[in-house]
Protein backbone atom coordinates (compact mmCIF):
# COMPACT_ATOMS: atom_id res chain seq x y z
CA MET A 1 -4.71 -0.37 -10.66
CA HIS A 2 -4.55 3.06 -9.13
CA SER A 3 -5.33 5.00 -12.26
CA SER A 4 -7.58 7.51 -10.48
CA LEU A 5 -4.77 8.42 -8.07
CA ASP A 6 -2.32 8.60 -10.97
CA GLN A 7 -4.72 10.87 -12.87
CA ALA A 8 -5.22 13.10 -9.81
CA ILE A 9 -1.46 13.45 -9.41
CA CYS A 10 -1.11 14.36 -13.10
CA ASP A 11 -3.95 16.88 -12.78
CA ALA A 12 -2.32 18.41 -9.70
CA LEU A 13 1.01 18.68 -11.50
CA VAL A 14 -0.70 20.51 -14.36
CA LEU A 15 -2.39 22.88 -11.91
CA LEU A 16 0.95 23.59 -10.24
CA ARG A 17 2.95 24.47 -13.33
CA ALA A 18 5.13 27.49 -12.61
CA THR A 19 3.93 29.06 -15.86
CA GLY A 20 0.26 28.36 -15.17
CA GLY A 21 -0.61 32.04 -15.37
CA GLY A 22 -3.39 31.88 -12.78
CA ASP A 23 -3.76 32.53 -9.09
CA LEU A 24 -1.21 30.10 -7.70
CA ALA A 25 -2.84 29.98 -4.25
CA GLU A 26 -6.17 29.00 -5.80
CA GLN A 27 -4.49 26.46 -8.06
CA ALA A 28 -2.71 24.93 -5.05
CA GLU A 29 -6.00 24.68 -3.17
CA GLN A 30 -7.67 23.08 -6.18
CA ALA A 31 -4.81 20.57 -6.41
CA ARG A 32 -5.15 19.78 -2.69
CA ARG A 33 -8.89 19.07 -3.08
CA CYS A 34 -8.26 16.87 -6.12
CA LEU A 35 -5.57 14.88 -4.32
CA ALA A 36 -7.61 14.50 -1.12
CA GLN A 37 -10.52 13.03 -3.05
CA ALA A 38 -8.26 10.63 -4.96
CA VAL A 39 -6.50 9.46 -1.79
CA ALA A 40 -9.85 8.86 -0.09
CA ASN A 41 -10.86 6.68 -3.06
CA ALA A 42 -7.57 4.75 -3.14
CA PRO A 43 -6.85 3.53 0.41
CA ASP A 44 -5.09 0.46 -0.98
CA ALA A 45 -2.55 2.51 -2.96
CA PRO A 46 1.11 1.86 -2.11
CA LEU A 47 2.02 3.40 1.23
CA LEU A 48 5.00 5.24 -0.22
CA ALA A 49 2.81 6.94 -2.84
CA LEU A 50 0.29 7.97 -0.16
CA GLU A 51 3.08 9.32 2.06
CA HIS A 52 4.47 11.39 -0.82
CA VAL A 53 1.02 12.79 -1.58
CA ALA A 54 0.50 13.66 2.10
CA ALA A 55 3.87 15.42 2.24
CA ALA A 56 3.07 17.29 -0.99
CA ASP A 57 -0.24 18.41 0.52
CA GLU A 58 1.59 19.81 3.53
CA HIS A 59 3.96 21.75 1.30
CA LEU A 60 1.03 23.11 -0.69
CA GLU A 61 -0.56 24.32 2.52
CA TYR A 62 2.46 26.59 2.96
CA GLY A 63 2.72 27.62 -0.69
CA GLU A 64 5.83 25.55 -1.39
CA VAL A 65 4.93 24.57 -4.93
CA MET A 66 8.28 23.27 -6.18
CA GLU A 67 8.64 20.93 -3.19
CA ALA A 68 5.10 19.70 -3.73
CA ARG A 69 5.75 19.06 -7.43
CA MET A 70 8.86 17.03 -6.57
CA LEU A 71 6.92 14.90 -4.08
CA LEU A 72 4.02 14.38 -6.48
CA THR A 73 6.44 13.22 -9.16
CA ALA A 74 7.93 10.78 -6.65
CA ALA A 75 4.42 9.62 -5.68
CA ARG A 76 3.60 8.94 -9.31
CA GLY A 77 6.79 6.93 -9.66
CA SER A 78 5.75 4.85 -6.64
CA LEU A 79 2.57 3.62 -8.30
CA PRO A 80 2.71 0.15 -9.86
CA GLY A 81 3.45 0.22 -13.56
CA ARG A 82 4.41 3.91 -13.52
CA ARG A 83 7.78 5.56 -13.86
CA ALA A 84 8.50 9.09 -12.83
CA VAL A 85 9.12 11.05 -16.02
CA VAL A 86 11.15 14.21 -16.09
CA ALA A 87 10.40 16.42 -19.04
CA ALA A 88 13.41 17.21 -21.17
CA ARG A 89 14.32 20.86 -21.59
CA ALA A 90 15.07 22.08 -25.05
């Protein structure tokens, strides 16, 4: 199972919330470090998930948070036993 990669993606998504209230550039960098470590520890993760994470990292490098969040959600949905979940808006 790729639970550490799944957890890193979830952690990154939390860091990248639009309403996070912190320094978004620092949060993006923290998310990039978290994801890089998880990818290094999960080389056997599904290729599609790894490609989505790599693309999200590139978007984070340029401060494109919404694009990165979309790709991370897709990456999470690419992991075995996981479904991408979109939060309902009230």
